[in-house]
Amino acid sequence: MNDILEIFKQQGAFLEGHFLLSSGLHSAQYLQCARVLMDPKIAGDLGSRLAAQLKATGVRPDVVVGP
């Protein structure tokens, strides 16, 4: 997991400060996922890792929905 955080830091996508989240809660850190997903190679790697973790837990999605 630390290597994933390093990817976010390298891409300038791990932000620190004060953030008001859409839920109304506050956070000192924020992950700007769009900055990481702009790189197809990184996005593919992260997607593969997520798929492997889902598969390992027995999750078998039958529908994928996106914006």
N, C-alpha and C. Protein backbone atom coordinates (compact mmCIF):
# COMPACT_ATOMS: atom_id res chain seq x y z
N MET A 1 0.82 -1.20 0.00
CA MET A 1 0.00 0.00 0.00
C MET A 1 0.86 1.26 0.00
N ASN A 2 2.03 1.20 0.67
CA ASN A 2 2.90 2.36 0.70
C ASN A 2 3.38 2.75 -0.69
N ASP A 3 3.57 1.74 -1.58
CA ASP A 3 4.01 2.07 -2.92
C ASP A 3 2.92 2.81 -3.69
N ILE A 4 1.67 2.52 -3.40
CA ILE A 4 0.57 3.25 -4.05
C ILE A 4 0.56 4.70 -3.58
N LEU A 5 0.77 4.91 -2.29
CA LEU A 5 0.85 6.27 -1.77
C LEU A 5 2.02 7.01 -2.42
N GLU A 6 3.13 6.32 -2.64
CA GLU A 6 4.28 6.94 -3.30
C GLU A 6 3.93 7.37 -4.73
N ILE A 7 3.15 6.55 -5.43
CA ILE A 7 2.71 6.91 -6.78
C ILE A 7 1.91 8.21 -6.73
N PHE A 8 1.00 8.31 -5.78
CA PHE A 8 0.19 9.53 -5.64
C PHE A 8 1.09 10.73 -5.33
N LYS A 9 2.08 10.53 -4.47
CA LYS A 9 2.99 11.64 -4.14
C LYS A 9 3.81 12.06 -5.35
N GLN A 10 4.33 11.10 -6.10
CA GLN A 10 5.15 11.40 -7.27
C GLN A 10 4.36 12.15 -8.33
N GLN A 11 3.07 11.86 -8.42
CA GLN A 11 2.21 12.51 -9.42
C GLN A 11 1.63 13.83 -8.92
N GLY A 12 1.99 14.22 -7.71
CA GLY A 12 1.44 15.45 -7.14
C GLY A 12 -0.03 15.32 -6.80
N ALA A 13 -0.45 14.09 -6.53
CA ALA A 13 -1.86 13.82 -6.28
C ALA A 13 -2.19 13.57 -4.81
N PHE A 14 -1.17 13.57 -3.95
CA PHE A 14 -1.39 13.46 -2.51
C PHE A 14 -1.24 14.86 -1.95
N LEU A 15 -2.35 15.45 -1.58
CA LEU A 15 -2.35 16.84 -1.13
C LEU A 15 -2.50 16.90 0.38
N GLU A 16 -1.79 17.84 0.98
CA GLU A 16 -1.88 18.04 2.42
C GLU A 16 -2.26 19.49 2.69
N GLY A 17 -3.11 19.68 3.67
CA GLY A 17 -3.60 21.01 4.01
C GLY A 17 -4.90 20.87 4.77
N HIS A 18 -5.84 21.73 4.46
CA HIS A 18 -7.18 21.64 5.06
C HIS A 18 -8.19 21.55 3.94
N PHE A 19 -8.98 20.47 3.97
CA PHE A 19 -9.94 20.24 2.91
C PHE A 19 -11.33 20.04 3.51
N LEU A 20 -12.30 20.72 2.94
CA LEU A 20 -13.70 20.51 3.30
C LEU A 20 -14.27 19.55 2.26
N LEU A 21 -14.59 18.35 2.70
CA LEU A 21 -15.09 17.32 1.80
C LEU A 21 -16.55 17.53 1.48
N SER A 22 -17.01 16.95 0.38
CA SER A 22 -18.41 17.12 -0.02
C SER A 22 -19.37 16.56 1.03
N SER A 23 -18.89 15.67 1.88
CA SER A 23 -19.71 15.12 2.96
C SER A 23 -19.90 16.12 4.10
N GLY A 24 -19.12 17.21 4.06
CA GLY A 24 -19.16 18.19 5.14
C GLY A 24 -18.07 17.95 6.17
N LEU A 25 -17.40 16.81 6.08
CA LEU A 25 -16.30 16.52 6.99
C LEU A 25 -15.04 17.26 6.54
N HIS A 26 -14.06 17.31 7.41
CA HIS A 26 -12.79 17.96 7.11
C HIS A 26 -11.69 16.91 7.09
N SER A 27 -10.64 17.18 6.32
CA SER A 27 -9.52 16.26 6.24
C SER A 27 -8.23 17.04 6.08
N ALA A 28 -7.14 16.49 6.60
CA ALA A 28 -5.82 17.11 6.45
C ALA A 28 -5.11 16.59 5.20
N GLN A 29 -5.61 15.50 4.61
CA GLN A 29 -5.05 14.95 3.38
C GLN A 29 -6.15 14.71 2.37
N TYR A 30 -5.75 14.73 1.10
CA TYR A 30 -6.71 14.51 0.02
C TYR A 30 -5.99 13.81 -1.13
N LEU A 31 -6.60 12.77 -1.69
CA LEU A 31 -6.05 12.09 -2.85
C LEU A 31 -6.77 12.60 -4.10
N GLN A 32 -6.03 13.23 -4.98
CA GLN A 32 -6.58 13.77 -6.23
C GLN A 32 -6.43 12.68 -7.30
N CYS A 33 -7.37 11.75 -7.31
CA CYS A 33 -7.27 10.57 -8.17
C CYS A 33 -7.14 10.91 -9.65
N ALA A 34 -7.78 11.96 -10.10
CA ALA A 34 -7.73 12.32 -11.52
C ALA A 34 -6.30 12.57 -11.98
N ARG A 35 -5.46 13.12 -11.13
CA ARG A 35 -4.06 13.38 -11.50
C ARG A 35 -3.31 12.09 -11.76
N VAL A 36 -3.61 11.06 -11.01
CA VAL A 36 -2.95 9.77 -11.19
C VAL A 36 -3.52 9.05 -12.41
N LEU A 37 -4.81 9.10 -12.59
CA LEU A 37 -5.46 8.36 -13.67
C LEU A 37 -5.25 8.98 -15.04
N MET A 38 -4.64 10.16 -15.11
CA MET A 38 -4.34 10.80 -16.39
C MET A 38 -3.23 10.03 -17.13
N ASP A 39 -2.43 9.29 -16.41
CA ASP A 39 -1.34 8.51 -17.01
C ASP A 39 -1.85 7.10 -17.26
N PRO A 40 -2.02 6.71 -18.54
CA PRO A 40 -2.60 5.40 -18.84
C PRO A 40 -1.83 4.23 -18.25
N LYS A 41 -0.50 4.31 -18.22
CA LYS A 41 0.30 3.21 -17.67
C LYS A 41 0.04 3.04 -16.17
N ILE A 42 0.03 4.15 -15.45
CA ILE A 42 -0.24 4.11 -14.01
C ILE A 42 -1.67 3.66 -13.75
N ALA A 43 -2.62 4.20 -14.52
CA ALA A 43 -4.03 3.83 -14.34
C ALA A 43 -4.22 2.33 -14.57
N GLY A 44 -3.56 1.80 -15.60
CA GLY A 44 -3.66 0.37 -15.88
C GLY A 44 -3.08 -0.47 -14.76
N ASP A 45 -1.94 -0.03 -14.23
CA ASP A 45 -1.30 -0.75 -13.13
C ASP A 45 -2.19 -0.76 -11.89
N LEU A 46 -2.74 0.41 -11.54
CA LEU A 46 -3.61 0.49 -10.37
C LEU A 46 -4.89 -0.33 -10.57
N GLY A 47 -5.44 -0.29 -11.79
CA GLY A 47 -6.63 -1.09 -12.08
C GLY A 47 -6.37 -2.58 -11.97
N SER A 48 -5.20 -3.01 -12.45
CA SER A 48 -4.83 -4.43 -12.35
C SER A 48 -4.67 -4.85 -10.90
N ARG A 49 -4.07 -3.98 -10.10
CA ARG A 49 -3.91 -4.29 -8.67
C ARG A 49 -5.26 -4.41 -7.98
N LEU A 50 -6.16 -3.49 -8.29
CA LEU A 50 -7.49 -3.53 -7.69
C LEU A 50 -8.23 -4.80 -8.11
N ALA A 51 -8.15 -5.14 -9.39
CA ALA A 51 -8.81 -6.36 -9.88
C ALA A 51 -8.26 -7.60 -9.18
N ALA A 52 -6.95 -7.65 -8.98
CA ALA A 52 -6.34 -8.80 -8.31
C ALA A 52 -6.81 -8.90 -6.86
N GLN A 53 -6.94 -7.74 -6.20
CA GLN A 53 -7.42 -7.76 -4.81
C GLN A 53 -8.87 -8.21 -4.75
N LEU A 54 -9.69 -7.74 -5.66
CA LEU A 54 -11.10 -8.17 -5.70
C LEU A 54 -11.19 -9.67 -5.95
N LYS A 55 -10.42 -10.14 -6.90
CA LYS A 55 -10.44 -11.57 -7.24
C LYS A 55 -10.01 -12.41 -6.04
N ALA A 56 -8.99 -11.95 -5.31
CA ALA A 56 -8.49 -12.68 -4.15
C ALA A 56 -9.54 -12.79 -3.04
N THR A 57 -10.45 -11.82 -2.97
CA THR A 57 -11.48 -11.86 -1.94
C THR A 57 -12.74 -12.58 -2.40
N GLY A 58 -12.75 -13.03 -3.66
CA GLY A 58 -13.90 -13.75 -4.17
C GLY A 58 -14.96 -12.88 -4.81
N VAL A 59 -14.73 -11.58 -4.89
CA VAL A 59 -15.69 -10.67 -5.52
C VAL A 59 -15.66 -10.90 -7.03
N ARG A 60 -16.82 -11.10 -7.60
CA ARG A 60 -16.94 -11.29 -9.05
C ARG A 60 -17.99 -10.32 -9.60
N PRO A 61 -17.57 -9.08 -9.91
CA PRO A 61 -18.56 -8.11 -10.41
C PRO A 61 -19.14 -8.58 -11.75
N ASP A 62 -20.43 -8.33 -11.95
CA ASP A 62 -21.05 -8.68 -13.22
C ASP A 62 -21.47 -7.44 -14.00
N VAL A 63 -21.31 -6.27 -13.37
CA VAL A 63 -21.63 -5.00 -14.02
C VAL A 63 -20.58 -3.97 -13.61
N VAL A 64 -20.13 -3.19 -14.56
CA VAL A 64 -19.22 -2.09 -14.26
C VAL A 64 -19.89 -0.82 -14.74
N VAL A 65 -19.96 0.18 -13.85
CA VAL A 65 -20.64 1.44 -14.17
C VAL A 65 -19.63 2.57 -14.01
N GLY A 66 -19.66 3.50 -14.90
CA GLY A 66 -18.77 4.66 -14.82
C GLY A 66 -19.51 5.92 -15.23
N PRO A 67 -18.87 7.05 -14.99
CA PRO A 67 -19.53 8.31 -15.35
C PRO A 67 -19.63 8.50 -16.84
